[in-house]
Amino acid sequence: MGEYFDIDLRYPDLFEGLTEKQRQRVIDVLVSSWLSGYEHSREEVARFIDLVVGRISGEDYRKQILEHALALNKQRSQEAKSSNKPNEIEQYQPVDYLPEKG
């Protein structure tokens, strides 16, 4: 985990075109899991921004999270079967807080 929460600096292109209110909403939600030690991937940040700006619905967002989690689980299971080493389980903390639109 980095010393500072700089998700908007790591993925500036994802934050282009957001209003200050949208940008702050994204940061406020993602920082809570970052403080718990979770590092969001570019894909996760992009998906959450799509939700915040209304490009996808809450239902679509949840569906994409579930699909990702199932695929990750399947991948980890296959890796565990093909290895004698204990597998490291990736912490996956989907953002389940749906901010009010506004």
N, C-alpha and C. Protein backbone atom coordinates (compact mmCIF):
# COMPACT_ATOMS: atom_id res chain seq x y z
N MET A 1 0.85 -1.17 0.00
CA MET A 1 0.00 0.00 0.00
C MET A 1 0.90 1.23 0.00
N GLY A 2 0.57 2.16 -0.85
CA GLY A 2 1.33 3.40 -0.90
C GLY A 2 1.10 4.24 0.34
N GLU A 3 1.94 5.21 0.50
CA GLU A 3 1.83 6.08 1.67
C GLU A 3 0.66 7.05 1.56
N TYR A 4 0.33 7.42 0.32
CA TYR A 4 -0.76 8.37 0.08
C TYR A 4 -1.77 7.75 -0.87
N PHE A 5 -3.02 8.12 -0.68
CA PHE A 5 -4.06 7.65 -1.59
C PHE A 5 -4.06 8.58 -2.80
N ASP A 6 -3.55 8.07 -3.90
CA ASP A 6 -3.37 8.89 -5.09
C ASP A 6 -4.00 8.24 -6.34
N ILE A 7 -5.12 7.60 -6.16
CA ILE A 7 -5.74 6.86 -7.26
C ILE A 7 -6.01 7.76 -8.46
N ASP A 8 -6.36 9.00 -8.21
CA ASP A 8 -6.64 9.93 -9.31
C ASP A 8 -5.35 10.33 -10.04
N LEU A 9 -4.22 10.23 -9.38
CA LEU A 9 -2.94 10.52 -10.02
C LEU A 9 -2.41 9.30 -10.77
N ARG A 10 -2.72 8.11 -10.27
CA ARG A 10 -2.29 6.88 -10.95
C ARG A 10 -3.07 6.64 -12.23
N TYR A 11 -4.33 7.00 -12.25
CA TYR A 11 -5.19 6.78 -13.42
C TYR A 11 -5.87 8.09 -13.83
N PRO A 12 -5.10 9.10 -14.18
CA PRO A 12 -5.69 10.41 -14.46
C PRO A 12 -6.69 10.39 -15.61
N ASP A 13 -6.45 9.54 -16.59
CA ASP A 13 -7.36 9.48 -17.73
C ASP A 13 -8.75 9.02 -17.33
N LEU A 14 -8.85 8.20 -16.29
CA LEU A 14 -10.16 7.74 -15.84
C LEU A 14 -10.96 8.86 -15.19
N PHE A 15 -10.26 9.83 -14.63
CA PHE A 15 -10.91 10.93 -13.92
C PHE A 15 -11.19 12.12 -14.82
N GLU A 16 -10.70 12.08 -16.06
CA GLU A 16 -10.95 13.18 -17.00
C GLU A 16 -12.45 13.30 -17.26
N GLY A 17 -12.93 14.51 -17.26
CA GLY A 17 -14.34 14.75 -17.56
C GLY A 17 -15.28 14.62 -16.38
N LEU A 18 -14.77 14.18 -15.23
CA LEU A 18 -15.63 14.10 -14.05
C LEU A 18 -15.79 15.48 -13.44
N THR A 19 -16.96 15.72 -12.91
CA THR A 19 -17.14 16.95 -12.15
C THR A 19 -16.37 16.80 -10.84
N GLU A 20 -16.13 17.88 -10.15
CA GLU A 20 -15.44 17.81 -8.87
C GLU A 20 -16.24 16.96 -7.88
N LYS A 21 -17.55 17.07 -7.93
CA LYS A 21 -18.42 16.29 -7.04
C LYS A 21 -18.29 14.79 -7.34
N GLN A 22 -18.28 14.41 -8.62
CA GLN A 22 -18.13 13.01 -9.00
C GLN A 22 -16.74 12.49 -8.59
N ARG A 23 -15.72 13.28 -8.88
CA ARG A 23 -14.34 12.92 -8.53
C ARG A 23 -14.23 12.67 -7.04
N GLN A 24 -14.76 13.57 -6.24
CA GLN A 24 -14.67 13.43 -4.79
C GLN A 24 -15.47 12.24 -4.30
N ARG A 25 -16.60 11.96 -4.91
CA ARG A 25 -17.42 10.81 -4.53
C ARG A 25 -16.63 9.51 -4.76
N VAL A 26 -15.99 9.41 -5.91
CA VAL A 26 -15.19 8.22 -6.23
C VAL A 26 -14.07 8.06 -5.21
N ILE A 27 -13.34 9.12 -4.95
CA ILE A 27 -12.23 9.07 -4.01
C ILE A 27 -12.71 8.72 -2.61
N ASP A 28 -13.79 9.34 -2.16
CA ASP A 28 -14.30 9.08 -0.81
C ASP A 28 -14.65 7.61 -0.61
N VAL A 29 -15.24 6.99 -1.62
CA VAL A 29 -15.65 5.59 -1.48
C VAL A 29 -14.44 4.67 -1.55
N LEU A 30 -13.54 4.90 -2.49
CA LEU A 30 -12.39 4.00 -2.67
C LEU A 30 -11.37 4.11 -1.55
N VAL A 31 -11.27 5.27 -0.93
CA VAL A 31 -10.26 5.45 0.12
C VAL A 31 -10.56 4.57 1.33
N SER A 32 -11.80 4.27 1.60
CA SER A 32 -12.12 3.47 2.78
C SER A 32 -11.51 2.08 2.69
N SER A 33 -11.58 1.43 1.54
CA SER A 33 -10.97 0.10 1.42
C SER A 33 -9.45 0.20 1.32
N TRP A 34 -8.95 1.31 0.75
CA TRP A 34 -7.50 1.53 0.70
C TRP A 34 -6.93 1.62 2.12
N LEU A 35 -7.65 2.28 3.00
CA LEU A 35 -7.20 2.40 4.39
C LEU A 35 -7.14 1.03 5.08
N SER A 36 -7.91 0.08 4.56
CA SER A 36 -7.88 -1.29 5.09
C SER A 36 -6.79 -2.12 4.44
N GLY A 37 -6.04 -1.52 3.51
CA GLY A 37 -4.93 -2.22 2.88
C GLY A 37 -5.19 -2.73 1.48
N TYR A 38 -6.35 -2.44 0.92
CA TYR A 38 -6.69 -2.94 -0.41
C TYR A 38 -6.26 -1.96 -1.49
N GLU A 39 -5.65 -2.48 -2.55
CA GLU A 39 -5.25 -1.67 -3.70
C GLU A 39 -6.20 -1.97 -4.86
N HIS A 40 -6.96 -0.99 -5.29
CA HIS A 40 -7.90 -1.19 -6.39
C HIS A 40 -7.17 -1.24 -7.73
N SER A 41 -7.60 -2.13 -8.59
CA SER A 41 -7.03 -2.22 -9.92
C SER A 41 -7.63 -1.12 -10.81
N ARG A 42 -6.99 -0.89 -11.92
CA ARG A 42 -7.50 0.07 -12.90
C ARG A 42 -8.92 -0.31 -13.33
N GLU A 43 -9.13 -1.60 -13.55
CA GLU A 43 -10.45 -2.09 -13.98
C GLU A 43 -11.51 -1.78 -12.92
N GLU A 44 -11.18 -1.98 -11.66
CA GLU A 44 -12.13 -1.71 -10.59
C GLU A 44 -12.46 -0.22 -10.50
N VAL A 45 -11.45 0.62 -10.63
CA VAL A 45 -11.67 2.06 -10.58
C VAL A 45 -12.54 2.50 -11.75
N ALA A 46 -12.23 2.00 -12.93
CA ALA A 46 -13.00 2.36 -14.13
C ALA A 46 -14.46 1.93 -13.98
N ARG A 47 -14.67 0.73 -13.45
CA ARG A 47 -16.03 0.23 -13.27
C ARG A 47 -16.80 1.12 -12.29
N PHE A 48 -16.16 1.50 -11.20
CA PHE A 48 -16.84 2.33 -10.22
C PHE A 48 -17.14 3.71 -10.78
N ILE A 49 -16.21 4.26 -11.53
CA ILE A 49 -16.46 5.57 -12.17
C ILE A 49 -17.63 5.47 -13.14
N ASP A 50 -17.70 4.37 -13.89
CA ASP A 50 -18.84 4.17 -14.80
C ASP A 50 -20.16 4.20 -14.04
N LEU A 51 -20.16 3.62 -12.85
CA LEU A 51 -21.37 3.64 -12.02
C LEU A 51 -21.69 5.06 -11.56
N VAL A 52 -20.69 5.75 -11.06
CA VAL A 52 -20.90 7.10 -10.51
C VAL A 52 -21.42 8.06 -11.57
N VAL A 53 -20.90 7.96 -12.79
CA VAL A 53 -21.33 8.90 -13.84
C VAL A 53 -22.57 8.42 -14.58
N GLY A 54 -23.04 7.22 -14.28
CA GLY A 54 -24.28 6.74 -14.87
C GLY A 54 -24.13 5.98 -16.18
N ARG A 55 -22.90 5.56 -16.52
CA ARG A 55 -22.72 4.78 -17.74
C ARG A 55 -23.21 3.34 -17.57
N ILE A 56 -23.24 2.88 -16.31
CA ILE A 56 -23.81 1.57 -16.00
C ILE A 56 -24.73 1.72 -14.80
N SER A 57 -25.67 0.82 -14.70
CA SER A 57 -26.62 0.84 -13.58
C SER A 57 -26.03 0.11 -12.38
N GLY A 58 -26.65 0.28 -11.23
CA GLY A 58 -26.23 -0.45 -10.04
C GLY A 58 -26.32 -1.95 -10.26
N GLU A 59 -27.34 -2.38 -10.97
CA GLU A 59 -27.49 -3.81 -11.27
C GLU A 59 -26.34 -4.31 -12.15
N ASP A 60 -26.01 -3.54 -13.19
CA ASP A 60 -24.89 -3.92 -14.06
C ASP A 60 -23.58 -3.94 -13.29
N TYR A 61 -23.41 -2.98 -12.40
CA TYR A 61 -22.21 -2.90 -11.59
C TYR A 61 -22.06 -4.15 -10.73
N ARG A 62 -23.11 -4.52 -10.05
CA ARG A 62 -23.08 -5.72 -9.20
C ARG A 62 -22.83 -6.97 -10.04
N LYS A 63 -23.45 -7.04 -11.20
CA LYS A 63 -23.26 -8.20 -12.08
C LYS A 63 -21.80 -8.31 -12.51
N GLN A 64 -21.18 -7.20 -12.87
CA GLN A 64 -19.78 -7.22 -13.29
C GLN A 64 -18.86 -7.62 -12.14
N ILE A 65 -19.16 -7.15 -10.94
CA ILE A 65 -18.37 -7.53 -9.76
C ILE A 65 -18.48 -9.03 -9.51
N LEU A 66 -19.69 -9.55 -9.59
CA LEU A 66 -19.90 -10.98 -9.37
C LEU A 66 -19.17 -11.80 -10.43
N GLU A 67 -19.27 -11.40 -11.69
CA GLU A 67 -18.57 -12.11 -12.76
C GLU A 67 -17.06 -12.11 -12.52
N HIS A 68 -16.53 -10.97 -12.11
CA HIS A 68 -15.10 -10.87 -11.84
C HIS A 68 -14.71 -11.78 -10.67
N ALA A 69 -15.49 -11.75 -9.62
CA ALA A 69 -15.19 -12.57 -8.43
C ALA A 69 -15.26 -14.05 -8.77
N LEU A 70 -16.24 -14.46 -9.55
CA LEU A 70 -16.37 -15.87 -9.94
C LEU A 70 -15.19 -16.30 -10.81
N ALA A 71 -14.79 -15.44 -11.75
CA ALA A 71 -13.65 -15.75 -12.61
C ALA A 71 -12.37 -15.86 -11.78
N LEU A 72 -12.20 -14.95 -10.83
CA LEU A 72 -11.02 -14.97 -9.97
C LEU A 72 -11.01 -16.23 -9.12
N ASN A 73 -12.15 -16.60 -8.59
CA ASN A 73 -12.27 -17.81 -7.79
C ASN A 73 -11.92 -19.04 -8.62
N LYS A 74 -12.40 -19.09 -9.84
CA LYS A 74 -12.12 -20.23 -10.73
C LYS A 74 -10.62 -20.29 -11.04
N GLN A 75 -10.03 -19.14 -11.33
CA GLN A 75 -8.60 -19.08 -11.62
C GLN A 75 -7.79 -19.56 -10.42
N ARG A 76 -8.12 -19.08 -9.24
CA ARG A 76 -7.39 -19.46 -8.02
C ARG A 76 -7.54 -20.94 -7.74
N SER A 77 -8.72 -21.47 -7.99
CA SER A 77 -8.97 -22.89 -7.77
C SER A 77 -8.12 -23.73 -8.72
N GLN A 78 -8.03 -23.32 -9.98
CA GLN A 78 -7.22 -24.05 -10.95
C GLN A 78 -5.74 -23.96 -10.59
N GLU A 79 -5.31 -22.79 -10.14
CA GLU A 79 -3.91 -22.63 -9.73
C GLU A 79 -3.59 -23.52 -8.53
N ALA A 80 -4.51 -23.62 -7.60
CA ALA A 80 -4.29 -24.43 -6.41
C ALA A 80 -4.20 -25.91 -6.78
N LYS A 81 -5.00 -26.33 -7.73
CA LYS A 81 -4.99 -27.73 -8.15
C LYS A 81 -3.68 -28.08 -8.87
N SER A 82 -3.11 -27.11 -9.57
CA SER A 82 -1.91 -27.39 -10.36
C SER A 82 -0.61 -27.10 -9.61
N SER A 83 -0.71 -26.72 -8.35
CA SER A 83 0.47 -26.37 -7.58
C SER A 83 0.44 -27.07 -6.24
N ASN A 84 1.62 -27.43 -5.77
CA ASN A 84 1.72 -28.03 -4.43
C ASN A 84 1.89 -26.97 -3.36
N LYS A 85 2.18 -25.74 -3.80
CA LYS A 85 2.38 -24.64 -2.86
C LYS A 85 1.03 -24.11 -2.40
N PRO A 86 0.96 -23.65 -1.17
CA PRO A 86 -0.28 -23.00 -0.74
C PRO A 86 -0.49 -21.74 -1.57
N ASN A 87 -1.68 -21.58 -2.11
CA ASN A 87 -1.92 -20.40 -2.95
C ASN A 87 -2.29 -19.20 -2.09
N GLU A 88 -1.85 -18.05 -2.56
CA GLU A 88 -2.22 -16.81 -1.90
C GLU A 88 -3.58 -16.39 -2.44
N ILE A 89 -4.45 -16.07 -1.57
CA ILE A 89 -5.78 -15.65 -1.99
C ILE A 89 -5.80 -14.14 -2.10
N GLU A 90 -6.17 -13.66 -3.27
CA GLU A 90 -6.26 -12.22 -3.48
C GLU A 90 -7.46 -11.69 -2.73
N GLN A 91 -7.23 -10.65 -1.98
CA GLN A 91 -8.36 -10.01 -1.32
C GLN A 91 -9.13 -9.24 -2.37
N TYR A 92 -10.39 -9.53 -2.50
CA TYR A 92 -11.22 -8.81 -3.45
C TYR A 92 -12.29 -8.11 -2.66
N GLN A 93 -12.23 -6.79 -2.66
CA GLN A 93 -13.19 -6.01 -1.89
C GLN A 93 -13.97 -5.12 -2.85
N PRO A 94 -15.03 -5.64 -3.42
CA PRO A 94 -15.79 -4.78 -4.32
C PRO A 94 -16.39 -3.61 -3.57
N VAL A 95 -16.52 -2.55 -4.25
CA VAL A 95 -17.13 -1.36 -3.65
C VAL A 95 -18.64 -1.59 -3.69
N ASP A 96 -19.23 -1.82 -2.54
CA ASP A 96 -20.65 -2.13 -2.52
C ASP A 96 -21.50 -0.94 -2.07
N TYR A 97 -20.85 0.18 -1.91
CA TYR A 97 -21.57 1.40 -1.56
C TYR A 97 -21.98 2.09 -2.84
N LEU A 98 -23.25 2.32 -3.00
CA LEU A 98 -23.75 3.01 -4.19
C LEU A 98 -24.11 4.43 -3.81
N PRO A 99 -23.31 5.37 -4.24
CA PRO A 99 -23.56 6.77 -3.87
C PRO A 99 -24.84 7.28 -4.55
N GLU A 100 -25.42 8.27 -3.91
CA GLU A 100 -26.58 8.90 -4.52
C GLU A 100 -26.13 9.67 -5.73
N LYS A 101 -26.94 9.62 -6.77
CA LYS A 101 -26.62 10.42 -7.95
C LYS A 101 -26.95 11.87 -7.68
N GLY A 102 -26.17 12.72 -8.29
CA GLY A 102 -26.48 14.12 -8.06
C GLY A 102 -25.52 15.03 -8.71
